[in-house]
Every structure is written in C-alpha cells, then in structure tokens.
N, C-alpha and C. Protein backbone atom coordinates (compact mmCIF):
# COMPACT_ATOMS: atom_id res chain seq x y z
N MET A 1 -14.10 0.77 -56.29
CA MET A 1 -14.46 1.82 -55.37
C MET A 1 -13.32 2.84 -55.36
N SER A 2 -13.68 4.11 -55.43
CA SER A 2 -12.67 5.15 -55.51
C SER A 2 -12.09 5.45 -54.13
N PRO A 3 -10.86 5.99 -54.10
CA PRO A 3 -10.22 6.32 -52.82
C PRO A 3 -11.01 7.32 -51.99
N VAL A 4 -11.79 8.17 -52.63
CA VAL A 4 -12.58 9.15 -51.90
C VAL A 4 -13.65 8.45 -51.08
N TRP A 5 -14.33 7.47 -51.69
CA TRP A 5 -15.36 6.72 -50.96
C TRP A 5 -14.74 5.91 -49.83
N LEU A 6 -13.56 5.37 -50.04
CA LEU A 6 -12.88 4.62 -48.97
C LEU A 6 -12.56 5.53 -47.79
N LEU A 7 -12.13 6.75 -48.07
CA LEU A 7 -11.85 7.71 -46.99
C LEU A 7 -13.13 8.10 -46.26
N ILE A 8 -14.22 8.26 -46.99
CA ILE A 8 -15.49 8.62 -46.36
C ILE A 8 -15.97 7.47 -45.45
N ILE A 9 -15.90 6.24 -45.95
CA ILE A 9 -16.31 5.08 -45.14
C ILE A 9 -15.40 4.94 -43.93
N PHE A 10 -14.09 5.10 -44.13
CA PHE A 10 -13.15 5.03 -43.01
C PHE A 10 -13.46 6.11 -41.97
N GLY A 11 -13.78 7.31 -42.41
CA GLY A 11 -14.11 8.41 -41.50
C GLY A 11 -15.37 8.12 -40.71
N ILE A 12 -16.38 7.55 -41.38
CA ILE A 12 -17.62 7.22 -40.68
C ILE A 12 -17.38 6.13 -39.63
N ILE A 13 -16.61 5.12 -39.98
CA ILE A 13 -16.29 4.05 -39.02
C ILE A 13 -15.49 4.61 -37.84
N LEU A 14 -14.54 5.49 -38.13
CA LEU A 14 -13.72 6.10 -37.07
C LEU A 14 -14.59 6.94 -36.13
N ILE A 15 -15.49 7.74 -36.68
CA ILE A 15 -16.39 8.55 -35.84
C ILE A 15 -17.28 7.64 -35.00
N TRP A 16 -17.78 6.56 -35.58
CA TRP A 16 -18.62 5.60 -34.87
C TRP A 16 -17.85 4.96 -33.71
N LEU A 17 -16.59 4.54 -33.95
CA LEU A 17 -15.78 3.93 -32.88
C LEU A 17 -15.46 4.92 -31.77
N VAL A 18 -15.16 6.15 -32.11
CA VAL A 18 -14.88 7.17 -31.10
C VAL A 18 -16.12 7.45 -30.28
N SER A 19 -17.29 7.52 -30.95
CA SER A 19 -18.54 7.76 -30.23
C SER A 19 -18.85 6.62 -29.26
N LEU A 20 -18.66 5.38 -29.70
CA LEU A 20 -18.88 4.24 -28.82
C LEU A 20 -17.92 4.25 -27.63
N THR A 21 -16.68 4.61 -27.89
CA THR A 21 -15.68 4.67 -26.81
C THR A 21 -16.07 5.73 -25.78
N ILE A 22 -16.47 6.89 -26.24
CA ILE A 22 -16.88 7.96 -25.32
C ILE A 22 -18.12 7.53 -24.54
N LEU A 23 -19.06 6.91 -25.22
CA LEU A 23 -20.27 6.44 -24.55
C LEU A 23 -19.94 5.40 -23.49
N PHE A 24 -19.05 4.47 -23.82
CA PHE A 24 -18.65 3.43 -22.88
C PHE A 24 -17.94 4.02 -21.67
N LEU A 25 -17.04 4.96 -21.89
CA LEU A 25 -16.29 5.55 -20.78
C LEU A 25 -17.20 6.37 -19.87
N ASN A 26 -18.21 6.99 -20.41
CA ASN A 26 -19.13 7.77 -19.58
C ASN A 26 -20.07 6.90 -18.77
N LYS A 27 -20.29 5.66 -19.17
CA LYS A 27 -21.18 4.75 -18.45
C LYS A 27 -20.48 4.04 -17.30
N ARG A 28 -19.16 3.97 -17.31
CA ARG A 28 -18.43 3.28 -16.27
C ARG A 28 -18.39 4.13 -15.01
N PRO A 29 -18.62 3.53 -13.84
CA PRO A 29 -18.55 4.32 -12.61
C PRO A 29 -17.10 4.71 -12.31
N ILE A 30 -16.95 5.90 -11.82
CA ILE A 30 -15.63 6.39 -11.46
C ILE A 30 -15.42 6.16 -9.98
N LYS A 31 -14.37 5.46 -9.65
CA LYS A 31 -14.07 5.18 -8.25
C LYS A 31 -13.30 6.35 -7.67
N THR A 32 -13.79 6.90 -6.59
CA THR A 32 -13.11 8.00 -5.94
C THR A 32 -12.31 7.48 -4.76
N ILE A 33 -11.22 8.13 -4.49
CA ILE A 33 -10.36 7.76 -3.37
C ILE A 33 -10.48 8.85 -2.31
N ASN A 34 -10.84 8.44 -1.11
CA ASN A 34 -10.96 9.38 -0.01
C ASN A 34 -9.59 9.49 0.66
N LEU A 35 -8.97 10.64 0.55
CA LEU A 35 -7.64 10.83 1.15
C LEU A 35 -7.73 11.16 2.63
N ASP A 36 -8.90 11.50 3.12
CA ASP A 36 -9.08 11.78 4.54
C ASP A 36 -9.57 10.50 5.21
N HIS A 37 -8.65 9.71 5.75
CA HIS A 37 -8.97 8.40 6.30
C HIS A 37 -9.29 8.42 7.78
N THR A 38 -9.56 9.58 8.34
CA THR A 38 -9.76 9.64 9.78
C THR A 38 -10.98 8.88 10.25
N SER A 39 -12.00 8.76 9.41
CA SER A 39 -13.21 8.07 9.84
C SER A 39 -13.32 6.66 9.26
N ASP A 40 -12.40 6.26 8.43
CA ASP A 40 -12.45 4.96 7.78
C ASP A 40 -11.76 3.92 8.65
N GLU A 41 -12.52 2.95 9.16
CA GLU A 41 -11.95 1.94 10.06
C GLU A 41 -10.98 1.00 9.35
N SER A 42 -11.11 0.85 8.04
CA SER A 42 -10.27 -0.10 7.33
C SER A 42 -8.95 0.50 6.86
N SER A 43 -8.76 1.79 7.00
CA SER A 43 -7.51 2.39 6.55
C SER A 43 -6.43 2.23 7.60
N LEU A 44 -5.21 2.12 7.11
CA LEU A 44 -4.06 1.99 8.02
C LEU A 44 -3.59 3.39 8.39
N ASN A 45 -4.26 3.98 9.37
CA ASN A 45 -3.96 5.37 9.72
C ASN A 45 -3.12 5.51 10.98
N ARG A 46 -2.71 4.41 11.58
CA ARG A 46 -1.78 4.44 12.71
C ARG A 46 -0.52 3.72 12.26
N TRP A 47 0.60 4.37 12.42
CA TRP A 47 1.84 3.72 11.98
C TRP A 47 3.01 4.22 12.81
N SER A 48 4.10 3.46 12.75
CA SER A 48 5.35 3.89 13.39
C SER A 48 6.51 3.20 12.69
N LEU A 49 7.68 3.78 12.84
CA LEU A 49 8.91 3.23 12.29
C LEU A 49 9.97 3.28 13.37
N VAL A 50 10.61 2.14 13.63
CA VAL A 50 11.70 2.06 14.59
C VAL A 50 12.91 1.49 13.86
N ARG A 51 14.01 2.24 13.86
CA ARG A 51 15.26 1.76 13.25
C ARG A 51 16.20 1.32 14.36
N PHE A 52 16.99 0.28 14.07
CA PHE A 52 17.90 -0.23 15.10
C PHE A 52 19.04 -1.01 14.45
N ASN A 53 20.05 -1.33 15.24
CA ASN A 53 21.21 -2.07 14.78
C ASN A 53 21.34 -3.34 15.62
N PRO A 54 20.89 -4.50 15.11
CA PRO A 54 20.89 -5.71 15.92
C PRO A 54 22.23 -6.44 15.95
N PHE A 55 23.13 -6.12 15.02
CA PHE A 55 24.40 -6.86 14.90
C PHE A 55 25.57 -5.91 15.05
N SER A 56 26.63 -6.37 15.69
CA SER A 56 27.79 -5.51 15.94
C SER A 56 28.67 -5.37 14.69
N ASP A 57 28.52 -6.23 13.69
CA ASP A 57 29.41 -6.17 12.53
C ASP A 57 28.91 -5.23 11.43
N THR A 58 27.78 -4.57 11.65
CA THR A 58 27.27 -3.63 10.67
C THR A 58 27.23 -2.23 11.27
N GLY A 59 27.48 -1.25 10.45
CA GLY A 59 27.43 0.13 10.93
C GLY A 59 26.09 0.77 10.61
N GLY A 60 25.62 1.62 11.46
CA GLY A 60 24.36 2.31 11.23
C GLY A 60 23.16 1.47 11.60
N SER A 61 22.03 2.10 11.61
CA SER A 61 20.78 1.42 11.95
C SER A 61 20.03 1.11 10.66
N HIS A 62 20.45 0.04 9.99
CA HIS A 62 19.83 -0.33 8.72
C HIS A 62 18.66 -1.29 8.90
N SER A 63 18.50 -1.88 10.06
CA SER A 63 17.36 -2.73 10.34
C SER A 63 16.21 -1.85 10.83
N PHE A 64 14.98 -2.32 10.61
CA PHE A 64 13.84 -1.50 11.01
C PHE A 64 12.62 -2.36 11.26
N VAL A 65 11.65 -1.76 11.96
CA VAL A 65 10.33 -2.33 12.16
C VAL A 65 9.33 -1.26 11.75
N ILE A 66 8.37 -1.63 10.91
CA ILE A 66 7.27 -0.75 10.54
C ILE A 66 6.00 -1.39 11.07
N CYS A 67 5.21 -0.61 11.78
CA CYS A 67 3.93 -1.09 12.29
C CYS A 67 2.83 -0.27 11.61
N LEU A 68 1.87 -0.97 10.97
CA LEU A 68 0.75 -0.34 10.29
C LEU A 68 -0.54 -0.87 10.90
N LEU A 69 -1.35 0.01 11.48
CA LEU A 69 -2.59 -0.39 12.15
C LEU A 69 -3.76 0.45 11.65
N ASP A 70 -4.96 -0.14 11.72
CA ASP A 70 -6.17 0.63 11.45
C ASP A 70 -6.71 1.17 12.77
N THR A 71 -7.88 1.80 12.74
CA THR A 71 -8.42 2.40 13.97
C THR A 71 -8.84 1.36 15.00
N LEU A 72 -9.05 0.12 14.57
CA LEU A 72 -9.39 -0.96 15.50
C LEU A 72 -8.15 -1.68 16.02
N LYS A 73 -6.98 -1.14 15.72
CA LYS A 73 -5.68 -1.68 16.13
C LYS A 73 -5.41 -3.05 15.53
N ASN A 74 -5.89 -3.26 14.31
CA ASN A 74 -5.57 -4.45 13.53
C ASN A 74 -4.59 -4.06 12.45
N GLY A 75 -3.62 -4.93 12.17
CA GLY A 75 -2.66 -4.58 11.13
C GLY A 75 -1.52 -5.55 11.07
N ILE A 76 -0.33 -4.99 10.82
CA ILE A 76 0.83 -5.82 10.56
C ILE A 76 2.09 -5.15 11.09
N LEU A 77 3.03 -5.97 11.52
CA LEU A 77 4.38 -5.54 11.86
C LEU A 77 5.32 -6.10 10.80
N LEU A 78 6.08 -5.24 10.14
CA LEU A 78 7.07 -5.67 9.17
C LEU A 78 8.45 -5.40 9.74
N THR A 79 9.26 -6.45 9.85
CA THR A 79 10.59 -6.33 10.42
C THR A 79 11.62 -6.67 9.38
N SER A 80 12.65 -5.85 9.27
CA SER A 80 13.77 -6.10 8.37
C SER A 80 15.03 -6.17 9.21
N LEU A 81 15.72 -7.31 9.13
CA LEU A 81 16.99 -7.48 9.83
C LEU A 81 18.10 -7.48 8.79
N HIS A 82 18.96 -6.47 8.87
CA HIS A 82 20.03 -6.29 7.90
C HIS A 82 21.36 -6.68 8.53
N SER A 83 22.06 -7.61 7.89
CA SER A 83 23.41 -7.95 8.32
C SER A 83 24.34 -7.75 7.13
N ARG A 84 25.60 -8.01 7.31
CA ARG A 84 26.57 -7.77 6.25
C ARG A 84 26.31 -8.64 5.02
N GLY A 85 25.87 -9.87 5.21
CA GLY A 85 25.71 -10.78 4.09
C GLY A 85 24.30 -10.92 3.55
N ILE A 86 23.30 -10.57 4.34
CA ILE A 86 21.92 -10.83 3.93
C ILE A 86 20.96 -9.91 4.68
N THR A 87 19.82 -9.65 4.07
CA THR A 87 18.73 -8.93 4.73
C THR A 87 17.51 -9.82 4.72
N ARG A 88 16.88 -9.96 5.88
CA ARG A 88 15.69 -10.81 5.99
C ARG A 88 14.50 -9.96 6.41
N PHE A 89 13.32 -10.37 5.93
CA PHE A 89 12.09 -9.69 6.26
C PHE A 89 11.14 -10.66 6.96
N TYR A 90 10.43 -10.14 7.96
CA TYR A 90 9.46 -10.92 8.71
C TYR A 90 8.19 -10.10 8.84
N ALA A 91 7.06 -10.79 8.85
CA ALA A 91 5.77 -10.13 9.03
C ALA A 91 5.02 -10.82 10.15
N LYS A 92 4.41 -10.01 11.00
CA LYS A 92 3.61 -10.53 12.11
C LYS A 92 2.26 -9.83 12.12
N LYS A 93 1.21 -10.62 12.30
CA LYS A 93 -0.15 -10.09 12.31
C LYS A 93 -0.46 -9.49 13.68
N VAL A 94 -1.18 -8.36 13.65
CA VAL A 94 -1.62 -7.70 14.87
C VAL A 94 -3.15 -7.64 14.84
N ALA A 95 -3.77 -8.08 15.92
CA ALA A 95 -5.23 -8.04 16.03
C ALA A 95 -5.60 -7.44 17.38
N GLY A 96 -6.34 -6.35 17.35
CA GLY A 96 -6.76 -5.70 18.58
C GLY A 96 -5.61 -5.15 19.41
N GLY A 97 -4.54 -4.77 18.76
CA GLY A 97 -3.39 -4.21 19.46
C GLY A 97 -2.43 -5.25 20.03
N ARG A 98 -2.66 -6.52 19.74
CA ARG A 98 -1.79 -7.60 20.25
C ARG A 98 -1.32 -8.46 19.09
N ALA A 99 -0.05 -8.82 19.13
CA ALA A 99 0.51 -9.69 18.11
C ALA A 99 0.27 -11.15 18.48
N GLU A 100 0.12 -11.98 17.45
CA GLU A 100 -0.11 -13.40 17.69
C GLU A 100 1.17 -14.14 18.06
N GLN A 101 2.32 -13.56 17.74
CA GLN A 101 3.62 -14.17 18.05
C GLN A 101 4.36 -13.31 19.06
N ASP A 102 5.41 -13.88 19.63
CA ASP A 102 6.25 -13.11 20.54
C ASP A 102 6.92 -11.98 19.77
N LEU A 103 7.11 -10.85 20.45
CA LEU A 103 7.71 -9.67 19.82
C LEU A 103 9.07 -9.37 20.42
N SER A 104 9.97 -8.87 19.57
CA SER A 104 11.24 -8.37 20.07
C SER A 104 11.01 -7.02 20.75
N ASP A 105 12.02 -6.50 21.42
CA ASP A 105 11.89 -5.19 22.07
C ASP A 105 11.56 -4.09 21.06
N GLU A 106 12.21 -4.13 19.89
CA GLU A 106 11.98 -3.12 18.87
C GLU A 106 10.57 -3.25 18.28
N GLU A 107 10.10 -4.47 18.08
CA GLU A 107 8.74 -4.66 17.58
C GLU A 107 7.70 -4.19 18.59
N GLN A 108 7.93 -4.46 19.85
CA GLN A 108 7.02 -3.99 20.89
C GLN A 108 7.01 -2.46 20.95
N GLN A 109 8.18 -1.85 20.79
CA GLN A 109 8.27 -0.40 20.78
C GLN A 109 7.49 0.19 19.59
N ALA A 110 7.65 -0.41 18.40
CA ALA A 110 6.92 0.07 17.22
C ALA A 110 5.41 -0.08 17.40
N LEU A 111 4.97 -1.21 17.97
CA LEU A 111 3.55 -1.43 18.19
C LEU A 111 3.00 -0.40 19.18
N SER A 112 3.71 -0.17 20.26
CA SER A 112 3.26 0.82 21.25
C SER A 112 3.17 2.22 20.65
N GLN A 113 4.16 2.61 19.84
CA GLN A 113 4.14 3.93 19.21
C GLN A 113 2.98 4.06 18.23
N ALA A 114 2.69 2.99 17.47
CA ALA A 114 1.59 3.06 16.51
C ALA A 114 0.25 3.15 17.21
N ILE A 115 0.09 2.44 18.32
CA ILE A 115 -1.17 2.50 19.06
C ILE A 115 -1.38 3.91 19.62
N LYS A 116 -0.32 4.55 20.07
CA LYS A 116 -0.43 5.91 20.64
C LYS A 116 -0.63 6.98 19.58
N SER A 117 -0.25 6.70 18.34
CA SER A 117 -0.32 7.74 17.29
C SER A 117 -1.75 8.04 16.87
C-alpha cells in the first residue's frame, strides 16, 4: 500500500473520530450553575466570620469561626484554634439555627451574625 493511500485512510479515520467526538459532546447535557442563590434553599447564602485570640502566647487574631447556613438555617460552624505550636479545626452541625453541641462565645456570635445576614 502506498503512503498516499495510508494518508487518505488516516484522514478518513481522523475525520470520523472528530465527527463522533463532536456528536457525543453535543448530546451531553450541559449543567448550568445559578449564581443567584437568593431563592435556592440548599445554597449556603448566610455566612459570618469571627476572628479572635484565645491564647495569650500568640499575637494577633489568628483563630476564627466561620458559620455557613442555608435559608432554612441549616449548616455548619467551622472553628480554627491557632496556638504557637499547633492549629486545630473543629466542625459543628447547625440545624434550624441551633447547634447540636455547646458553643463557645465566639461560635455563638458567628451563628447569630449568620442568622441575621
């Protein structure tokens, strides 16, 4: 078989593969992302951030609490406690605007701010 015929066969196969790829991509549903979450109950559209310094041996407010809630006041509290030797993270579940565990003053402040936002 001559090199010309090999190039022609290769070209036909390449066009066929490109056509199949385009056909496949056009058949797949495109997922759209709604950036306006005001009406979506499942989006975390209420949030707050509280920074604080829990230990006297560290400078600055490197510890923080982030509260993320949806419109039904369900979500999570993420707490980071930073000390000189280690940083620890804690997560607490929030359901209906109430946490299942006891909250520190900073966590309660973050939850209250997120509910009001």
